[in-house]
N, C-alpha and C. Protein backbone atom coordinates (compact mmCIF):
# COMPACT_ATOMS: atom_id res chain seq x y z
N MET A 1 0.83 -1.20 -0.02
CA MET A 1 0.00 0.00 -0.01
C MET A 1 0.86 1.28 0.00
N ASP A 2 2.06 1.16 0.49
CA ASP A 2 2.93 2.33 0.48
C ASP A 2 3.17 2.82 -0.95
N TYR A 3 3.29 1.89 -1.87
CA TYR A 3 3.49 2.24 -3.28
C TYR A 3 2.35 3.11 -3.81
N TRP A 4 1.13 2.72 -3.44
CA TRP A 4 -0.08 3.46 -3.87
C TRP A 4 -0.02 4.89 -3.38
N TRP A 5 0.24 5.12 -2.11
CA TRP A 5 0.23 6.47 -1.56
C TRP A 5 1.37 7.29 -2.11
N LYS A 6 2.51 6.67 -2.31
CA LYS A 6 3.65 7.39 -2.91
C LYS A 6 3.29 7.86 -4.32
N ARG A 7 2.69 6.99 -5.12
CA ARG A 7 2.29 7.34 -6.47
C ARG A 7 1.21 8.45 -6.44
N MET A 8 0.29 8.38 -5.52
CA MET A 8 -0.71 9.42 -5.39
C MET A 8 -0.06 10.78 -5.10
N GLU A 9 0.90 10.82 -4.20
CA GLU A 9 1.60 12.05 -3.92
C GLU A 9 2.33 12.62 -5.16
N GLU A 10 2.87 11.69 -5.96
CA GLU A 10 3.61 12.12 -7.15
C GLU A 10 2.69 12.56 -8.27
N THR A 11 1.53 11.95 -8.43
CA THR A 11 0.70 12.21 -9.60
C THR A 11 -0.43 13.17 -9.34
N ALA A 12 -0.83 13.39 -8.10
CA ALA A 12 -1.97 14.25 -7.80
C ALA A 12 -1.79 15.68 -8.36
N PRO A 13 -0.64 16.30 -8.25
CA PRO A 13 -0.49 17.63 -8.82
C PRO A 13 -0.70 17.68 -10.36
N LYS A 14 -0.34 16.55 -11.01
CA LYS A 14 -0.53 16.49 -12.47
C LYS A 14 -2.02 16.39 -12.80
N TRP A 15 -2.74 15.61 -11.99
CA TRP A 15 -4.20 15.51 -12.21
C TRP A 15 -4.88 16.82 -11.96
N VAL A 16 -4.45 17.58 -10.94
CA VAL A 16 -5.01 18.88 -10.67
C VAL A 16 -4.75 19.83 -11.81
N GLN A 17 -3.54 19.78 -12.35
CA GLN A 17 -3.19 20.63 -13.51
C GLN A 17 -4.05 20.28 -14.73
N LEU A 18 -4.26 18.97 -14.97
CA LEU A 18 -5.08 18.54 -16.06
C LEU A 18 -6.52 19.00 -15.87
N ARG A 19 -7.03 18.83 -14.66
CA ARG A 19 -8.40 19.27 -14.36
C ARG A 19 -8.56 20.78 -14.60
N ASP A 20 -7.61 21.55 -14.11
CA ASP A 20 -7.70 22.99 -14.28
C ASP A 20 -7.60 23.40 -15.77
N THR A 21 -6.77 22.73 -16.51
CA THR A 21 -6.65 23.00 -17.93
C THR A 21 -7.96 22.70 -18.65
N CYS A 22 -8.60 21.55 -18.29
CA CYS A 22 -9.88 21.23 -18.90
C CYS A 22 -10.94 22.27 -18.55
N ARG A 23 -11.01 22.67 -17.32
CA ARG A 23 -12.00 23.67 -16.93
C ARG A 23 -11.80 24.96 -17.71
N GLU A 24 -10.52 25.41 -17.83
CA GLU A 24 -10.23 26.63 -18.54
C GLU A 24 -10.65 26.54 -20.00
N ALA A 25 -10.60 25.32 -20.58
CA ALA A 25 -10.96 25.11 -22.00
C ALA A 25 -12.47 24.84 -22.14
N GLY A 26 -13.21 24.85 -21.02
CA GLY A 26 -14.66 24.62 -21.08
C GLY A 26 -15.01 23.15 -21.17
N ILE A 27 -14.09 22.28 -20.83
CA ILE A 27 -14.36 20.83 -20.87
C ILE A 27 -14.87 20.40 -19.51
N GLU A 28 -15.99 19.70 -19.51
CA GLU A 28 -16.62 19.24 -18.26
C GLU A 28 -15.73 18.26 -17.54
N VAL A 29 -15.60 18.44 -16.25
CA VAL A 29 -14.82 17.53 -15.39
C VAL A 29 -15.79 16.74 -14.55
N MET A 30 -15.70 15.43 -14.59
CA MET A 30 -16.61 14.58 -13.83
C MET A 30 -15.84 13.64 -12.93
N TYR A 31 -16.31 13.45 -11.74
CA TYR A 31 -15.66 12.55 -10.76
C TYR A 31 -16.51 11.32 -10.56
N THR A 32 -15.84 10.18 -10.44
CA THR A 32 -16.52 8.93 -10.20
C THR A 32 -15.77 8.14 -9.14
N VAL A 33 -16.52 7.54 -8.24
CA VAL A 33 -15.90 6.59 -7.28
C VAL A 33 -16.67 5.29 -7.41
N ILE A 34 -15.99 4.18 -7.14
CA ILE A 34 -16.64 2.88 -7.15
C ILE A 34 -16.96 2.52 -5.71
N GLN A 35 -18.19 2.19 -5.49
CA GLN A 35 -18.64 1.75 -4.17
C GLN A 35 -19.83 0.83 -4.28
N SER A 36 -20.03 0.01 -3.32
CA SER A 36 -21.21 -0.88 -3.29
C SER A 36 -22.44 -0.06 -2.96
N LEU A 37 -23.60 -0.57 -3.32
CA LEU A 37 -24.84 0.06 -2.92
C LEU A 37 -25.21 -0.23 -1.47
N THR A 38 -24.73 -1.37 -0.97
CA THR A 38 -25.07 -1.82 0.39
C THR A 38 -23.79 -2.00 1.21
N ALA A 39 -23.92 -1.84 2.52
CA ALA A 39 -22.78 -1.96 3.40
C ALA A 39 -22.16 -3.36 3.40
N ASP A 40 -22.97 -4.39 3.17
CA ASP A 40 -22.47 -5.75 3.18
C ASP A 40 -22.06 -6.25 1.78
N GLY A 41 -22.28 -5.47 0.75
CA GLY A 41 -21.83 -5.81 -0.60
C GLY A 41 -22.69 -6.84 -1.31
N ARG A 42 -23.88 -7.12 -0.85
CA ARG A 42 -24.70 -8.15 -1.44
C ARG A 42 -25.14 -7.77 -2.89
N ASP A 43 -25.00 -6.51 -3.25
CA ASP A 43 -25.37 -6.05 -4.59
C ASP A 43 -24.27 -6.28 -5.64
N GLN A 44 -23.11 -6.71 -5.21
CA GLN A 44 -21.99 -6.84 -6.10
C GLN A 44 -22.14 -7.98 -7.09
N SER A 45 -21.42 -7.83 -8.21
CA SER A 45 -21.39 -8.92 -9.17
C SER A 45 -20.54 -10.07 -8.64
N LEU A 46 -20.66 -11.21 -9.24
CA LEU A 46 -19.90 -12.39 -8.85
C LEU A 46 -18.40 -12.14 -8.92
N ASP A 47 -17.94 -11.45 -9.98
CA ASP A 47 -16.50 -11.15 -10.12
C ASP A 47 -15.97 -10.38 -8.88
N TYR A 48 -16.70 -9.40 -8.44
CA TYR A 48 -16.23 -8.62 -7.30
C TYR A 48 -16.31 -9.43 -6.00
N LYS A 49 -17.32 -10.24 -5.89
CA LYS A 49 -17.44 -11.11 -4.71
C LYS A 49 -16.28 -12.10 -4.62
N ILE A 50 -15.92 -12.68 -5.76
CA ILE A 50 -14.80 -13.63 -5.77
C ILE A 50 -13.47 -12.95 -5.48
N SER A 51 -13.29 -11.73 -6.02
CA SER A 51 -12.02 -11.02 -5.82
C SER A 51 -11.89 -10.41 -4.44
N GLY A 52 -13.04 -10.27 -3.74
CA GLY A 52 -12.98 -9.67 -2.39
C GLY A 52 -12.89 -8.15 -2.43
N PHE A 53 -13.15 -7.58 -3.60
CA PHE A 53 -13.11 -6.12 -3.75
C PHE A 53 -14.45 -5.56 -3.28
N HIS A 54 -14.44 -4.88 -2.16
CA HIS A 54 -15.67 -4.32 -1.57
C HIS A 54 -15.37 -2.95 -0.97
N VAL A 55 -16.12 -1.96 -1.42
CA VAL A 55 -15.98 -0.62 -0.90
C VAL A 55 -17.35 -0.18 -0.39
N PRO A 56 -17.56 -0.23 0.93
CA PRO A 56 -18.87 0.15 1.46
C PRO A 56 -19.15 1.65 1.23
N PRO A 57 -20.43 2.00 1.06
CA PRO A 57 -20.80 3.40 0.87
C PRO A 57 -20.37 4.20 2.11
N GLY A 58 -19.82 5.39 1.85
CA GLY A 58 -19.42 6.28 2.96
C GLY A 58 -18.07 5.94 3.54
N SER A 59 -17.39 4.89 3.06
CA SER A 59 -16.12 4.53 3.60
C SER A 59 -15.03 5.43 3.04
N PHE A 60 -13.85 5.39 3.65
CA PHE A 60 -12.73 6.21 3.21
C PHE A 60 -12.37 5.95 1.74
N ASP A 61 -12.44 4.68 1.34
CA ASP A 61 -12.08 4.30 -0.02
C ASP A 61 -13.11 4.77 -1.03
N ALA A 62 -14.29 5.15 -0.60
CA ALA A 62 -15.34 5.58 -1.50
C ALA A 62 -15.33 7.10 -1.69
N GLU A 63 -14.34 7.77 -1.15
CA GLU A 63 -14.27 9.22 -1.24
C GLU A 63 -13.31 9.66 -2.34
N VAL A 64 -13.55 10.83 -2.90
CA VAL A 64 -12.58 11.45 -3.79
C VAL A 64 -11.51 12.02 -2.88
N GLY A 65 -10.30 11.68 -3.15
CA GLY A 65 -9.18 12.08 -2.29
C GLY A 65 -9.09 13.61 -2.09
N SER A 66 -8.62 14.01 -0.94
CA SER A 66 -8.48 15.45 -0.67
C SER A 66 -7.43 16.09 -1.57
N ARG A 67 -6.52 15.29 -2.16
CA ARG A 67 -5.53 15.84 -3.09
C ARG A 67 -6.12 16.20 -4.44
N LEU A 68 -7.34 15.71 -4.70
CA LEU A 68 -8.04 16.01 -5.94
C LEU A 68 -9.37 16.68 -5.61
N PRO A 69 -9.30 17.89 -5.05
CA PRO A 69 -10.55 18.53 -4.60
C PRO A 69 -11.51 18.79 -5.75
N TRP A 70 -12.79 18.59 -5.48
CA TRP A 70 -13.80 18.81 -6.50
C TRP A 70 -14.76 19.83 -5.98
N SER A 71 -15.45 20.46 -6.89
CA SER A 71 -16.38 21.53 -6.59
C SER A 71 -17.81 20.99 -6.66
N ALA A 72 -18.69 21.64 -5.93
CA ALA A 72 -20.10 21.25 -5.99
C ALA A 72 -20.63 21.44 -7.39
N GLU A 73 -19.95 22.22 -8.21
CA GLU A 73 -20.32 22.46 -9.60
C GLU A 73 -20.00 21.25 -10.49
N ASP A 74 -19.10 20.38 -10.07
CA ASP A 74 -18.67 19.24 -10.89
C ASP A 74 -19.65 18.08 -10.76
N PRO A 75 -19.98 17.45 -11.89
CA PRO A 75 -20.81 16.23 -11.82
C PRO A 75 -20.05 15.14 -11.03
N PHE A 76 -20.78 14.41 -10.25
CA PHE A 76 -20.20 13.36 -9.41
C PHE A 76 -21.08 12.14 -9.51
N ALA A 77 -20.46 11.00 -9.79
CA ALA A 77 -21.24 9.75 -9.93
C ALA A 77 -20.63 8.67 -9.08
N GLY A 78 -21.43 7.96 -8.35
CA GLY A 78 -21.00 6.82 -7.59
C GLY A 78 -21.32 5.56 -8.41
N ALA A 79 -20.32 4.90 -8.94
CA ALA A 79 -20.52 3.69 -9.70
C ALA A 79 -20.51 2.49 -8.78
N THR A 80 -21.22 1.46 -9.14
CA THR A 80 -21.25 0.27 -8.33
C THR A 80 -20.50 -0.84 -9.04
N PRO A 81 -19.72 -1.64 -8.31
CA PRO A 81 -18.97 -2.72 -8.93
C PRO A 81 -19.90 -3.71 -9.67
N GLY A 82 -19.55 -3.99 -10.87
CA GLY A 82 -20.36 -4.95 -11.63
C GLY A 82 -21.43 -4.30 -12.47
N TYR A 83 -21.70 -3.02 -12.25
CA TYR A 83 -22.74 -2.32 -13.02
C TYR A 83 -22.18 -1.23 -13.87
N PHE A 84 -20.90 -0.88 -13.72
CA PHE A 84 -20.30 0.27 -14.42
C PHE A 84 -19.30 -0.22 -15.42
C-alpha cells in the first residue's frame, strides 16, 4: 500500500493541472468513485465477490481524495462494482 500512496503524492499535482486545464478550456470535469450500494456488498457482481473487492458506501475508499478537490459544480457519480 505504500506504493499506492507514494504514487498518489507524485501524480496528484498532475491531475489537478489537467483538471484546471480542462476547466479553462470549457471541458466538463466529472468525478466517479466505485462503491457498493449496500454496506455488506450483497449487490456486487460475482466477479467482485470472488475477488474480495468491496468498498462500502461512505467509507474512506469511496471518497474522492483530498488531493483532488472537487467543486459542488462538478458532476459526481458513484458507480457500483459490476454495473459500471
